[in-house]
Amino acid sequence: MAFSEKLIELKKQVLAESQPMFERIDSIAEANTLKVLDAMRECQVGESHFNTTSGYAYSDVGRMKADELFAKVFGAERALVRTQFVSGTHTLATVLFGILRPGDKLLSITGAPYDTMQTVIGYASESKGSLKEFGIKYDELGMVDGKVDMAGIEGKLTPDTKMVLIQRSRGYSMRDPLSIDDIEAICAEVHRIKPGCVCFVDNCYGEFVDTREPVQVGADIMAGSLIKNPGGGIALTGGYICGKDELVELASYRMTSPGMGDELGASLANNRMIFQGFFMAPHVVAQAIKGAVFAAGLFSKLGYKTLPLPTDVRGDIIQAVQLDTPENLIAFCGGIQKYSPVDSFAAPEPWDMPGYEDQIIMAAGTFVQGASIELSADGPMRAPYNVYMQGGVTFEHAVIGIMGAAQAIEDIDR
C-alpha cells in the first residue's frame, strides 16, 4: 500500500480522535444485536426456514418466518420481505403504487426526492408508467438550511394529500440525514394536522444506525433494500416493507396481484443468507459508520467540506465529501475501486446510468452487484462534484479504501 507519509500521519491522528465516536457506535451495535438475537429466538428461527421452494410456494415457511422476524425487530404490525424486489427503488415504488389512487396527492416533505424516485413520480419530465400517468398528484416542501421546514408542513397538507414521503438519507445532496428524533417529530406534526395521512419513510441506508426504527416512532410504513444495511453484506438481493397491517397488505397486492398478496412467491435462493445477513447487520452497519467517521476526519484534515462532520451523530451510513473538481471525483472513485476485493483492476468512468439525469461515476468492487453496504462510492458528474461514500463490511477495509481514495487525489498533483 503506497500511501504517503502525510496520509499515514493523518490516519493516526484521525483514529485517535475518533475513539469517542467509535465507542458510541459500538454500544448501538451491541443493543441492536441483542434485539435481533432476541427476536430470532422468540420467532424460533430454525434450519427448516432456509430451504428453497418452487412454483406458487404456498405455505413457504422460510418466507413467512422472514416476514415475522423483520416485523418484530422493526416494531411493525406486518412485514413483506422478498428477494423478488430488484432494488430499493422498486420496493419504494411498490408502496407508492399500492397505497395511492388517482386523485390522491403525494407530498415529499424532504425536498426533491432521490433521482431514481423522480422517475417513479414523473417529477420533472414525463416518464412512462409513473405516478403522474396514473393521475396521482405531487407536491414537495423544500428544506430550510438542510432541515425539514416544520413550520411549513401545515400549509402543504391539503385535503387530497394522502401520503407524506420522508426520505431519511440525503440522496445526492449536501443536507443532513434525518435522525430518528427528526422522524418522530415530523410524523407527530403530520398526524396532528391530518390524522389519516400516511407517513411513509424511505429508510434506505438508515437501518440499525439507531436503536429505534421509523415505525417505532410514528411512521405508518417504511421500506428499504436488502443489499443495503439490513442484508448485512450477505443477502444477494431483495427488499423489505414494514408497517401497519392494512398498508403492507395494500403494497403486497401491488407486488403480486390483488387477492394474492404475500401468500405466494417462491424462495428460489437459500433463505439462510437473508436470516444470517439480518443477524450480522447491526455489526456490519457499525463497521460502515466507523468507516464514514474516518473518512470525514481524514478529508476534513485535507481541507475538504464533509457532511456529516467527524463528530456529528449519524442518521445513516453515508459520508459526503465535496471534492470541487471532476478530476478529484473520478480519482476518489478510482482509489476506492483499486482497493476493492472484486474488479480491483477496473477503472470507474462516468456513464449514463438508468434513472439518473446526470452521468454517474461509481466505484463498486463488491461481491453483490450494487451492494452499498459493501464499501462503495458514487456521485453525479455535476458541480460541486460531491462524492457519496458508504458501506464497508469491515472497518479495516474501509480505512484502506479511504486511504486509497485520498492517495489517488494526492497523486493528481504530482
Protein backbone atom coordinates (compact mmCIF):
# COMPACT_ATOMS: atom_id res chain seq x y z
CA MET A 1 0.00 0.00 0.00
CA ALA A 2 1.84 3.05 -1.28
CA PHE A 3 0.38 5.74 0.97
CA SER A 4 2.29 8.96 1.56
CA GLU A 5 3.83 9.77 4.94
CA LYS A 6 1.41 12.70 5.19
CA LEU A 7 -1.62 10.43 4.84
CA ILE A 8 -0.21 7.83 7.25
CA GLU A 9 0.30 10.51 9.91
CA LEU A 10 -3.21 11.92 9.34
CA LYS A 11 -4.62 8.41 9.65
CA LYS A 12 -3.07 8.03 13.11
CA GLN A 13 -4.49 11.37 14.21
CA VAL A 14 -7.98 10.61 12.92
CA LEU A 15 -8.12 7.16 14.53
CA ALA A 16 -7.10 8.60 17.89
CA GLU A 17 -9.61 11.45 17.68
CA SER A 18 -12.44 9.13 16.59
CA GLN A 19 -12.38 6.81 19.60
CA PRO A 20 -15.26 8.52 21.48
CA MET A 21 -17.47 8.22 18.40
CA PHE A 22 -16.45 4.59 17.92
CA GLU A 23 -17.47 3.74 21.48
CA ARG A 24 -20.94 5.20 20.91
CA ILE A 25 -21.30 3.29 17.62
CA ASP A 26 -20.27 0.01 19.26
CA SER A 27 -22.83 0.45 22.05
CA ILE A 28 -25.62 0.90 19.50
CA ALA A 29 -24.44 -2.18 17.60
CA GLU A 30 -24.49 -4.27 20.77
CA ALA A 31 -28.03 -3.14 21.64
CA ASN A 32 -29.27 -3.87 18.13
CA THR A 33 -27.54 -7.26 18.03
CA LEU A 34 -29.33 -8.23 21.22
CA LYS A 35 -32.63 -7.00 19.75
CA VAL A 36 -32.18 -9.14 16.62
CA LEU A 37 -30.98 -12.14 18.60
CA ASP A 38 -33.92 -11.95 21.00
CA ALA A 39 -36.33 -11.75 18.06
CA MET A 40 -34.74 -14.73 16.31
CA ARG A 41 -35.07 -16.78 19.50
CA GLU A 42 -38.66 -15.65 20.05
CA CYS A 43 -39.59 -16.38 16.44
CA GLN A 44 -37.83 -19.76 16.72
CA VAL A 45 -35.82 -19.40 13.54
CA GLY A 46 -34.62 -22.85 12.54
CA GLU A 47 -32.73 -24.60 9.78
CA SER A 48 -36.01 -25.60 8.12
CA HIS A 49 -36.57 -21.92 7.27
CA PHE A 50 -33.52 -21.86 5.00
CA ASN A 51 -34.93 -24.21 2.36
CA THR A 52 -35.86 -23.23 -1.18
CA THR A 53 -39.32 -23.66 -2.70
CA SER A 54 -40.80 -23.62 -6.19
CA GLY A 55 -43.90 -22.72 -8.13
CA TYR A 56 -46.56 -20.80 -6.24
CA ALA A 57 -44.81 -21.65 -2.96
CA TYR A 58 -47.92 -21.63 -0.83
CA SER A 59 -47.01 -22.07 2.85
CA ASP A 60 -43.34 -21.21 2.27
CA VAL A 61 -42.28 -21.35 5.92
CA GLY A 62 -38.98 -19.53 5.32
CA ARG A 63 -40.64 -16.63 3.54
CA MET A 64 -43.27 -16.29 6.27
CA LYS A 65 -40.66 -16.52 9.04
CA ALA A 66 -38.61 -13.72 7.46
CA ASP A 67 -41.74 -11.54 7.42
CA GLU A 68 -42.38 -12.33 11.08
CA LEU A 69 -38.78 -11.60 12.09
CA PHE A 70 -38.49 -8.25 10.32
CA ALA A 71 -41.82 -7.11 11.75
CA LYS A 72 -40.74 -7.99 15.28
CA VAL A 73 -37.30 -6.37 15.09
CA PHE A 74 -38.56 -3.20 13.42
CA GLY A 75 -41.63 -2.90 15.66
CA ALA A 76 -44.17 -3.25 12.86
CA GLU A 77 -47.55 -4.94 12.66
CA ARG A 78 -46.60 -6.66 9.42
CA ALA A 79 -43.66 -7.05 7.07
CA LEU A 80 -43.05 -8.08 3.49
CA VAL A 81 -39.51 -9.40 2.86
CA ARG A 82 -38.83 -10.62 -0.66
CA THR A 83 -35.98 -11.42 -2.99
CA GLN A 84 -38.37 -10.53 -5.82
CA PHE A 85 -37.77 -6.83 -5.10
CA VAL A 86 -34.98 -5.88 -7.51
CA SER A 87 -33.85 -2.67 -5.76
CA GLY A 88 -34.69 -0.16 -3.08
CA THR A 89 -36.47 2.00 -5.66
CA HIS A 90 -38.62 -0.96 -6.73
CA THR A 91 -39.56 -1.60 -3.11
CA LEU A 92 -40.45 2.05 -2.52
CA ALA A 93 -42.43 2.21 -5.75
CA THR A 94 -44.41 -0.85 -4.65
CA VAL A 95 -45.56 1.05 -1.57
CA LEU A 96 -46.47 4.16 -3.56
CA PHE A 97 -48.46 2.32 -6.23
CA GLY A 98 -50.00 0.00 -3.65
CA ILE A 99 -51.47 2.76 -1.48
CA LEU A 100 -52.02 5.81 -3.70
CA ARG A 101 -55.02 6.12 -6.02
CA PRO A 102 -55.92 8.51 -8.89
CA GLY A 103 -56.68 11.92 -7.45
CA ASP A 104 -54.52 11.41 -4.36
CA LYS A 105 -51.57 13.68 -3.70
CA LEU A 106 -48.10 12.65 -2.60
CA LEU A 107 -46.15 15.26 -0.61
CA SER A 108 -42.38 14.93 -0.30
CA ILE A 109 -41.54 16.66 2.96
CA THR A 110 -37.77 16.44 2.48
CA GLY A 111 -37.49 18.44 -0.73
CA ALA A 112 -36.72 16.86 -4.07
CA PRO A 113 -36.56 13.06 -3.78
CA TYR A 114 -33.67 10.86 -4.85
CA ASP A 115 -33.01 10.76 -8.60
CA THR A 116 -34.50 7.32 -9.30
CA MET A 117 -37.62 8.18 -7.29
CA GLN A 118 -38.15 11.21 -9.51
CA THR A 119 -38.67 8.84 -12.45
CA VAL A 120 -41.22 6.86 -10.42
CA ILE A 121 -43.11 10.04 -9.58
CA GLY A 122 -42.93 11.65 -13.03
CA TYR A 123 -41.14 14.55 -11.43
CA ALA A 124 -39.52 16.96 -13.90
CA SER A 125 -40.24 15.23 -17.20
CA GLU A 126 -42.65 12.59 -18.46
CA SER A 127 -41.68 9.03 -17.59
CA LYS A 128 -43.74 6.10 -18.79
CA GLY A 129 -45.67 4.28 -16.08
CA SER A 130 -45.09 7.00 -13.47
CA LEU A 131 -47.49 8.03 -10.71
CA LYS A 132 -48.26 11.13 -12.75
CA GLU A 133 -49.56 8.99 -15.62
CA PHE A 134 -52.00 7.39 -13.19
CA GLY A 135 -53.41 10.72 -12.10
CA ILE A 136 -51.55 10.92 -8.80
CA LYS A 137 -50.56 14.47 -7.92
CA TYR A 138 -47.27 15.53 -6.40
CA ASP A 139 -46.00 18.39 -4.29
CA GLU A 140 -42.94 18.98 -2.16
CA LEU A 141 -41.84 21.05 0.79
CA GLY A 142 -38.37 22.47 0.39
CA MET A 143 -35.88 22.07 3.20
CA VAL A 144 -34.54 25.10 5.07
CA ASP A 145 -30.81 25.12 5.83
CA GLY A 146 -30.77 21.35 5.37
CA LYS A 147 -33.62 20.76 7.81
CA VAL A 148 -37.29 19.90 7.36
CA ASP A 149 -39.42 23.05 7.39
CA MET A 150 -41.62 22.07 10.32
CA ALA A 151 -43.46 25.40 10.25
CA GLY A 152 -44.33 24.90 6.59
CA ILE A 153 -45.93 21.45 6.91
CA GLU A 154 -49.41 22.70 7.73
CA GLY A 155 -49.57 24.89 4.64
CA LYS A 156 -48.66 21.97 2.37
CA LEU A 157 -51.09 19.37 3.74
CA THR A 158 -54.22 19.73 1.61
CA PRO A 159 -57.46 17.70 1.68
CA ASP A 160 -56.19 15.46 -1.15
CA THR A 161 -52.78 14.75 0.46
CA LYS A 162 -52.89 11.00 1.03
CA MET A 163 -49.25 10.37 1.82
CA VAL A 164 -46.17 12.19 3.05
CA LEU A 165 -42.85 10.84 1.75
CA ILE A 166 -39.98 11.19 4.24
CA GLN A 167 -36.55 10.44 2.78
CA ARG A 168 -34.27 9.57 5.67
CA SER A 169 -31.00 9.71 3.77
CA ARG A 170 -29.65 12.69 1.81
CA GLY A 171 -29.62 11.28 -1.71
CA TYR A 172 -27.34 13.30 -3.97
CA SER A 173 -27.48 16.44 -1.81
CA MET A 174 -25.44 18.01 0.97
CA ARG A 175 -28.12 18.05 3.63
CA ASP A 176 -28.12 16.21 6.93
CA PRO A 177 -29.83 12.82 7.04
CA LEU A 178 -32.84 12.64 9.33
CA SER A 179 -32.36 11.29 12.81
CA ILE A 180 -34.94 9.10 14.49
CA ASP A 181 -35.88 12.07 16.65
CA ASP A 182 -36.43 14.14 13.48
CA ILE A 183 -38.69 11.44 12.01
CA GLU A 184 -40.64 11.18 15.26
CA ALA A 185 -41.26 14.94 15.29
CA ILE A 186 -42.28 15.02 11.60
CA CYS A 187 -44.76 12.14 11.95
CA ALA A 188 -46.27 13.67 15.08
CA GLU A 189 -46.79 17.01 13.34
CA VAL A 190 -48.28 15.44 10.18
CA HIS A 191 -50.67 13.28 12.21
CA ARG A 192 -51.63 16.25 14.41
CA ILE A 193 -52.64 18.28 11.36
CA LYS A 194 -54.07 15.43 9.26
CA PRO A 195 -54.57 12.23 11.31
CA GLY A 196 -55.37 10.00 8.33
CA CYS A 197 -52.32 10.98 6.29
CA VAL A 198 -49.85 8.13 5.69
CA CYS A 199 -46.28 8.86 6.81
CA PHE A 200 -44.03 6.77 4.56
CA VAL A 201 -40.29 6.65 5.32
CA ASP A 202 -37.69 5.79 2.72
CA ASN A 203 -35.44 4.02 5.22
CA CYS A 204 -32.60 3.17 2.83
CA TYR A 205 -29.16 3.46 4.48
CA GLY A 206 -30.72 4.11 7.90
CA GLU A 207 -31.44 0.68 9.40
CA PHE A 208 -29.63 -0.10 12.68
CA VAL A 209 -27.91 3.30 12.79
CA ASP A 210 -30.02 3.98 15.90
CA THR A 211 -31.68 1.66 18.40
CA ARG A 212 -35.14 2.62 17.12
CA GLU A 213 -36.64 2.47 13.62
CA PRO A 214 -39.18 4.82 11.98
CA VAL A 215 -42.30 2.67 12.51
CA GLN A 216 -41.46 2.58 16.21
CA VAL A 217 -41.67 6.38 16.46
CA GLY A 218 -44.81 7.15 14.46
CA ALA A 219 -44.21 6.28 10.80
CA ASP A 220 -47.06 4.30 9.25
CA ILE A 221 -44.91 2.36 6.79
CA MET A 222 -41.28 2.19 5.70
CA ALA A 223 -39.24 0.35 3.11
CA GLY A 224 -35.64 -0.40 2.20
CA SER A 225 -33.22 -2.66 0.35
CA LEU A 226 -31.64 -5.92 1.49
CA ILE A 227 -28.39 -5.13 -0.32
CA LYS A 228 -28.03 -2.13 1.94
CA ASN A 229 -27.97 -2.18 5.76
CA PRO A 230 -30.37 -5.00 6.72
CA GLY A 231 -28.75 -7.56 4.41
CA GLY A 232 -25.51 -7.40 6.36
CA GLY A 233 -23.44 -7.78 3.20
CA ILE A 234 -24.71 -11.34 2.81
CA ALA A 235 -28.19 -11.09 1.25
CA LEU A 236 -27.94 -11.46 -2.52
CA THR A 237 -30.88 -9.24 -3.49
CA GLY A 238 -34.30 -8.12 -2.29
CA GLY A 239 -36.12 -5.55 -0.24
CA TYR A 240 -38.49 -5.20 2.68
CA ILE A 241 -41.63 -3.26 3.62
CA CYS A 242 -42.72 -2.86 7.25
CA GLY A 243 -45.60 -1.02 8.86
CA LYS A 244 -49.28 -1.08 9.62
CA ASP A 245 -51.07 -4.27 8.65
CA GLU A 246 -53.51 -2.78 6.15
CA LEU A 247 -50.84 -0.66 4.41
CA VAL A 248 -48.40 -3.55 3.98
CA GLU A 249 -51.29 -5.64 2.65
CA LEU A 250 -52.03 -3.00 0.00
CA ALA A 251 -48.36 -2.98 -1.00
CA SER A 252 -48.39 -6.78 -1.27
CA TYR A 253 -51.23 -6.57 -3.81
CA ARG A 254 -49.02 -4.38 -5.96
CA MET A 255 -46.06 -6.75 -5.55
CA THR A 256 -48.07 -9.73 -6.85
CA SER A 257 -51.75 -9.09 -7.64
CA PRO A 258 -54.99 -8.24 -5.80
CA GLY A 259 -56.23 -11.25 -3.88
CA MET A 260 -52.84 -12.97 -3.84
CA GLY A 261 -50.64 -10.52 -1.98
CA ASP A 262 -47.98 -12.05 0.24
CA GLU A 263 -49.34 -15.60 0.20
CA LEU A 264 -47.14 -16.78 -2.64
CA GLY A 265 -43.69 -16.23 -4.09
CA ALA A 266 -41.06 -18.93 -4.20
CA SER A 267 -37.79 -18.79 -2.26
CA LEU A 268 -35.59 -19.65 -5.22
CA ALA A 269 -32.38 -18.88 -3.32
CA ASN A 270 -31.41 -20.24 0.08
CA ASN A 271 -33.10 -18.08 2.73
CA ARG A 272 -30.13 -18.60 5.05
CA MET A 273 -28.48 -15.53 3.54
CA ILE A 274 -31.45 -13.32 4.47
CA PHE A 275 -31.53 -14.57 8.06
CA GLN A 276 -27.77 -14.60 8.51
CA GLY A 277 -27.38 -11.19 6.89
CA PHE A 278 -30.06 -9.73 9.16
CA PHE A 279 -28.29 -11.19 12.20
CA MET A 280 -24.97 -9.69 11.06
CA ALA A 281 -26.49 -6.33 10.07
CA PRO A 282 -26.05 -4.39 13.35
CA HIS A 283 -22.34 -5.24 13.44
CA VAL A 284 -21.80 -4.57 9.74
CA VAL A 285 -23.63 -1.24 9.93
CA ALA A 286 -21.35 -0.25 12.82
CA GLN A 287 -18.31 -1.09 10.69
CA ALA A 288 -19.67 1.08 7.89
CA ILE A 289 -20.39 4.01 10.20
CA LYS A 290 -16.90 3.84 11.67
CA GLY A 291 -15.55 3.99 8.13
CA ALA A 292 -17.70 7.05 7.43
CA VAL A 293 -16.40 8.76 10.58
CA PHE A 294 -12.84 8.01 9.50
CA ALA A 295 -13.48 9.39 6.00
CA ALA A 296 -14.96 12.58 7.46
CA GLY A 297 -11.97 13.04 9.73
CA LEU A 298 -9.35 12.38 7.06
CA PHE A 299 -10.87 14.55 4.35
CA SER A 300 -11.65 17.36 6.78
CA LYS A 301 -7.95 17.47 7.66
CA LEU A 302 -7.17 17.54 3.95
CA GLY A 303 -9.25 20.70 3.63
CA TYR A 304 -12.44 19.35 2.06
CA LYS A 305 -16.01 20.07 3.14
CA THR A 306 -17.54 16.95 4.66
CA LEU A 307 -21.07 16.12 5.72
CA PRO A 308 -21.57 14.87 8.36
CA LEU A 309 -18.61 16.30 10.25
CA PRO A 310 -16.36 13.81 12.06
CA THR A 311 -18.05 14.39 15.44
CA ASP A 312 -21.65 14.53 14.21
CA VAL A 313 -24.13 11.90 15.36
CA ARG A 314 -25.08 9.81 12.32
CA GLY A 315 -28.52 9.34 10.79
CA ASP A 316 -27.34 6.99 8.02
CA ILE A 317 -24.18 5.27 6.80
CA ILE A 318 -23.34 7.75 4.03
CA GLN A 319 -20.41 10.13 4.08
CA ALA A 320 -20.49 13.03 1.64
CA VAL A 321 -17.33 14.89 0.62
CA GLN A 322 -17.32 17.96 -1.61
CA LEU A 323 -14.41 17.37 -3.99
CA ASP A 324 -14.75 20.56 -6.11
CA THR A 325 -13.47 19.18 -9.43
CA PRO A 326 -14.45 16.32 -11.76
CA GLU A 327 -10.86 15.08 -11.66
CA ASN A 328 -10.98 14.69 -7.89
CA LEU A 329 -14.31 12.86 -8.06
CA ILE A 330 -13.00 10.42 -10.66
CA ALA A 331 -9.78 9.91 -8.68
CA PHE A 332 -11.65 9.27 -5.41
CA CYS A 333 -13.79 6.57 -7.01
CA GLY A 334 -10.72 5.11 -8.71
CA GLY A 335 -8.94 4.86 -5.36
CA ILE A 336 -11.86 3.05 -3.75
CA GLN A 337 -12.08 0.66 -6.71
CA LYS A 338 -8.32 -0.05 -6.60
CA TYR A 339 -8.61 -1.34 -3.04
CA SER A 340 -11.76 -3.39 -3.65
CA PRO A 341 -11.81 -7.19 -3.37
CA VAL A 342 -13.67 -7.56 -6.70
CA ASP A 343 -12.79 -5.92 -10.03
CA SER A 344 -9.89 -4.01 -8.46
CA PHE A 345 -8.34 -3.80 -11.93
CA ALA A 346 -11.28 -1.80 -13.31
CA ALA A 347 -11.19 2.00 -13.70
CA PRO A 348 -14.55 3.65 -12.92
CA GLU A 349 -15.80 6.04 -15.57
CA PRO A 350 -18.85 8.33 -15.71
CA TRP A 351 -21.79 6.81 -17.60
CA ASP A 352 -25.47 7.28 -18.35
CA MET A 353 -26.92 5.19 -15.53
CA PRO A 354 -30.64 4.31 -15.87
CA GLY A 355 -32.88 6.57 -13.79
CA TYR A 356 -30.40 9.46 -13.47
CA GLU A 357 -30.35 12.78 -15.33
CA ASP A 358 -26.58 13.37 -14.95
CA GLN A 359 -23.80 10.97 -15.71
CA ILE A 360 -22.84 8.94 -12.64
CA ILE A 361 -19.47 7.60 -11.62
CA MET A 362 -19.49 4.65 -9.29
CA ALA A 363 -16.85 2.58 -7.53
CA ALA A 364 -18.41 -0.74 -6.62
CA GLY A 365 -15.94 -3.59 -6.35
CA THR A 366 -18.48 -5.62 -4.39
CA PHE A 367 -19.30 -9.30 -4.05
CA VAL A 368 -23.01 -8.50 -4.53
CA GLN A 369 -23.51 -6.21 -7.51
CA GLY A 370 -24.53 -2.73 -6.37
CA ALA A 371 -24.48 -3.67 -2.67
CA SER A 372 -23.91 -0.33 -0.98
CA ILE A 373 -23.40 -1.90 2.44
CA GLU A 374 -20.12 -3.08 0.97
CA LEU A 375 -17.54 -0.31 0.52
CA SER A 376 -18.58 1.79 -2.44
CA ALA A 377 -18.62 5.39 -3.62
CA ASP A 378 -20.54 7.25 -6.27
CA GLY A 379 -21.64 10.68 -7.34
CA PRO A 380 -23.18 12.68 -10.18
CA MET A 381 -20.86 14.48 -12.57
CA ARG A 382 -22.11 17.94 -11.68
CA ALA A 383 -20.73 20.79 -9.60
CA PRO A 384 -19.65 20.89 -6.80
CA TYR A 385 -18.65 17.28 -7.51
CA ASN A 386 -19.72 15.64 -4.29
CA VAL A 387 -18.85 12.02 -3.69
CA TYR A 388 -21.09 9.83 -1.55
CA MET A 389 -19.22 7.01 0.14
CA GLN A 390 -20.96 4.26 2.05
CA GLY A 391 -20.52 0.77 3.38
CA GLY A 392 -17.63 -1.39 4.41
CA VAL A 393 -18.39 -4.78 5.93
CA THR A 394 -15.11 -4.48 7.85
CA PHE A 395 -13.69 -1.28 9.27
CA GLU A 396 -10.19 -2.34 8.24
CA HIS A 397 -11.20 -2.46 4.58
CA ALA A 398 -12.97 0.90 4.88
CA VAL A 399 -9.79 2.53 6.22
CA ILE A 400 -7.66 1.07 3.45
CA GLY A 401 -10.11 2.07 0.73
CA ILE A 402 -10.47 5.62 2.06
CA MET A 403 -6.69 5.98 2.25
CA GLY A 404 -6.56 4.77 -1.34
CA ALA A 405 -9.08 7.43 -2.39
CA ALA A 406 -7.09 10.17 -0.64
CA GLN A 407 -3.87 8.93 -2.22
CA ALA A 408 -5.41 8.93 -5.71
CA ILE A 409 -6.38 12.59 -5.29
CA GLU A 410 -2.93 13.45 -3.93
CA ASP A 411 -1.34 11.77 -6.94
CA ILE A 412 -3.15 14.14 -9.33
CA ASP A 413 -0.89 16.97 -8.23
CA ARG A 414 2.33 15.02 -8.58
